Amino acid sequence: MDEQVIFNKIESLRRCVDRIGQKTPQSSTELLKSYDLQDIISVNLERAVQNCVDIAAHIIADLDVPPPATMTESFHKLAEVGYIDDRLAERMQKAAGFRNLAVHAYQDIDWEIVYKIITLHLCDFSDFVEAIVAKIEVT
C-alpha cells in the first residue's frame, strides 16, 4: 500500500473539513438563505466523503478481500478488516449516503439536515482519519 497516497487524501480531506468549518453559518436559517454557502458546504462535504471512500478503496485494494460493490460497503469492509470500528463505519456510510444525494439529487437536499451534519458530525471525518492513521502506524 502506498501510504503517501493515503496521506495526500487525508490532507485533501482536512482542507475540505477546514473550509466547511470556516463557512459554517451561525444558524440553519443563514444556510437556507445563502446559495453561496450551500454550494461551498455541499461541494466540500462531497469531496470530504469522496476522499474517505478513496482512502478506503486504496486500503482494501491492498488486502486479500473482495472489493466493495458500493461506496457505503467500503466502510463496512474497513470495519471487517479492523481499520475502523462498526460505529464509525455506520457514520461514514451515512456520510456516503449524503454524498450520493448531493451528487445525484442536489435539488432534494434538506439544508436543515446539512446544518446538523456540519455542526454535529464533522468530527466523523477526524475520527476516520485518526483510526486510519493509527492502523497504518501499527502495520
Protein backbone atom coordinates (compact mmCIF):
# COMPACT_ATOMS: atom_id res chain seq x y z
CA MET A 1 0.00 0.00 0.00
CA ASP A 2 1.31 3.42 -0.92
CA GLU A 3 0.92 5.34 2.33
CA GLN A 4 1.74 8.62 0.59
CA VAL A 5 -1.45 8.29 -1.45
CA ILE A 6 -3.41 7.91 1.77
CA PHE A 7 -1.69 10.85 3.45
CA ASN A 8 -2.35 13.04 0.38
CA LYS A 9 -6.03 12.12 0.55
CA ILE A 10 -6.05 12.87 4.27
CA GLU A 11 -4.59 16.33 3.60
CA SER A 12 -7.25 16.99 0.98
CA LEU A 13 -9.90 15.78 3.42
CA ARG A 14 -8.61 18.15 6.11
CA ARG A 15 -8.77 21.09 3.69
CA CYS A 16 -12.39 20.28 2.91
CA VAL A 17 -13.34 20.00 6.57
CA ASP A 18 -11.50 23.24 7.37
CA ARG A 19 -13.34 25.02 4.56
CA ILE A 20 -16.67 23.78 5.86
CA GLY A 21 -15.75 24.96 9.34
CA GLN A 22 -14.80 28.39 8.03
CA LYS A 23 -18.08 28.75 6.14
CA THR A 24 -20.50 27.25 8.66
CA PRO A 25 -23.03 29.97 9.46
CA GLN A 26 -24.33 30.73 12.94
CA SER A 27 -27.76 29.29 12.12
CA SER A 28 -29.51 26.99 9.71
CA THR A 29 -31.60 29.98 8.61
CA GLU A 30 -28.45 31.66 7.27
CA LEU A 31 -27.59 28.50 5.38
CA LEU A 32 -31.10 28.30 3.92
CA LYS A 33 -30.82 31.88 2.64
CA SER A 34 -27.35 31.67 1.09
CA TYR A 35 -26.86 29.74 -2.13
CA ASP A 36 -23.15 30.53 -1.98
CA LEU A 37 -22.80 28.89 1.45
CA GLN A 38 -24.90 25.95 0.29
CA ASP A 39 -22.61 25.44 -2.70
CA ILE A 40 -19.37 25.77 -0.73
CA ILE A 41 -20.55 23.47 2.03
CA SER A 42 -22.13 20.81 -0.19
CA VAL A 43 -19.15 20.63 -2.55
CA ASN A 44 -16.71 20.31 0.34
CA LEU A 45 -18.86 17.68 2.04
CA GLU A 46 -18.96 15.73 -1.21
CA ARG A 47 -15.19 15.99 -1.56
CA ALA A 48 -14.60 15.04 2.07
CA VAL A 49 -16.69 11.89 1.70
CA GLN A 50 -15.06 11.05 -1.63
CA ASN A 51 -11.63 11.33 -0.04
CA CYS A 52 -12.71 8.88 2.66
CA VAL A 53 -14.06 6.49 0.03
CA ASP A 54 -10.80 6.79 -1.91
CA ILE A 55 -8.79 6.05 1.23
CA ALA A 56 -10.94 3.01 1.93
CA ALA A 57 -10.61 1.78 -1.66
CA HIS A 58 -6.83 2.17 -1.57
CA ILE A 59 -6.56 0.18 1.66
CA ILE A 60 -8.97 -2.53 0.53
CA ALA A 61 -7.17 -2.95 -2.81
CA ASP A 62 -4.07 -3.95 -0.88
CA LEU A 63 -5.89 -6.61 1.18
CA ASP A 64 -6.99 -10.10 0.31
CA VAL A 65 -10.70 -9.30 0.39
CA PRO A 66 -13.29 -8.91 -2.36
CA PRO A 67 -13.74 -5.31 -3.48
CA PRO A 68 -16.80 -3.46 -2.21
CA ALA A 69 -19.76 -3.16 -4.56
CA THR A 70 -20.74 0.29 -3.33
CA MET A 71 -19.22 3.32 -1.63
CA THR A 72 -21.08 2.57 1.58
CA GLU A 73 -19.83 -1.01 1.55
CA SER A 74 -16.25 0.33 1.55
CA PHE A 75 -16.67 1.40 5.16
CA HIS A 76 -18.21 -1.93 6.14
CA LYS A 77 -15.17 -3.68 4.61
CA LEU A 78 -12.80 -1.42 6.56
CA ALA A 79 -14.62 -2.41 9.75
CA GLU A 80 -14.45 -6.09 8.80
CA VAL A 81 -10.67 -5.91 8.46
CA GLY A 82 -10.21 -3.89 11.64
CA TYR A 83 -9.29 -0.46 10.31
CA ILE A 84 -12.34 1.24 11.82
CA ASP A 85 -14.97 0.14 14.30
CA ASP A 86 -18.57 -0.68 13.39
CA ARG A 87 -19.99 2.55 14.80
CA LEU A 88 -17.61 4.68 12.75
CA ALA A 89 -18.36 2.55 9.69
CA GLU A 90 -22.06 3.26 10.16
CA ARG A 91 -21.45 7.01 10.50
CA MET A 92 -19.29 7.01 7.37
CA GLN A 93 -21.92 5.04 5.48
CA LYS A 94 -24.43 7.78 6.33
CA ALA A 95 -21.95 10.37 5.06
CA ALA A 96 -21.64 8.44 1.79
CA GLY A 97 -25.42 8.36 1.56
CA PHE A 98 -25.48 12.15 1.86
CA ARG A 99 -22.79 12.43 -0.79
CA ASN A 100 -24.85 10.36 -3.19
CA LEU A 101 -27.90 12.55 -2.58
CA ALA A 102 -25.86 15.73 -3.05
CA VAL A 103 -24.37 14.49 -6.32
CA HIS A 104 -27.49 12.92 -7.83
CA ALA A 105 -30.40 14.88 -6.38
CA TYR A 106 -28.98 18.24 -5.33
CA GLN A 107 -32.39 19.92 -5.51
CA ASP A 108 -33.70 17.49 -2.86
CA ILE A 109 -31.16 18.38 -0.18
CA ASP A 110 -32.67 19.22 3.19
CA TRP A 111 -30.48 22.10 4.37
CA GLU A 112 -31.64 21.69 7.97
CA ILE A 113 -30.10 18.21 7.91
CA VAL A 114 -26.95 19.56 6.27
CA TYR A 115 -26.69 22.12 9.05
CA LYS A 116 -26.90 19.34 11.63
CA ILE A 117 -24.21 17.41 9.77
CA ILE A 118 -21.81 20.34 9.68
CA THR A 119 -22.41 21.36 13.28
CA LEU A 120 -22.64 17.92 14.90
CA HIS A 121 -20.87 15.39 12.68
CA LEU A 122 -17.78 16.95 11.10
CA CYS A 123 -15.85 15.12 13.81
CA ASP A 124 -16.70 11.87 12.00
CA PHE A 125 -14.06 12.79 9.43
CA SER A 126 -11.36 13.40 12.03
CA ASP A 127 -12.37 10.16 13.79
CA PHE A 128 -11.97 8.35 10.47
CA VAL A 129 -8.53 9.87 9.88
CA GLU A 130 -7.43 9.08 13.41
CA ALA A 131 -8.47 5.43 13.06
CA ILE A 132 -6.78 5.02 9.68
CA VAL A 133 -3.52 6.68 10.75
CA ALA A 134 -3.41 4.62 13.95
CA LYS A 135 -3.81 1.41 11.97
CA ILE A 136 -1.23 2.41 9.35
CA GLU A 137 1.32 3.26 12.04
CA VAL A 138 0.83 -0.16 13.64
CA THR A 139 1.31 -2.12 10.41
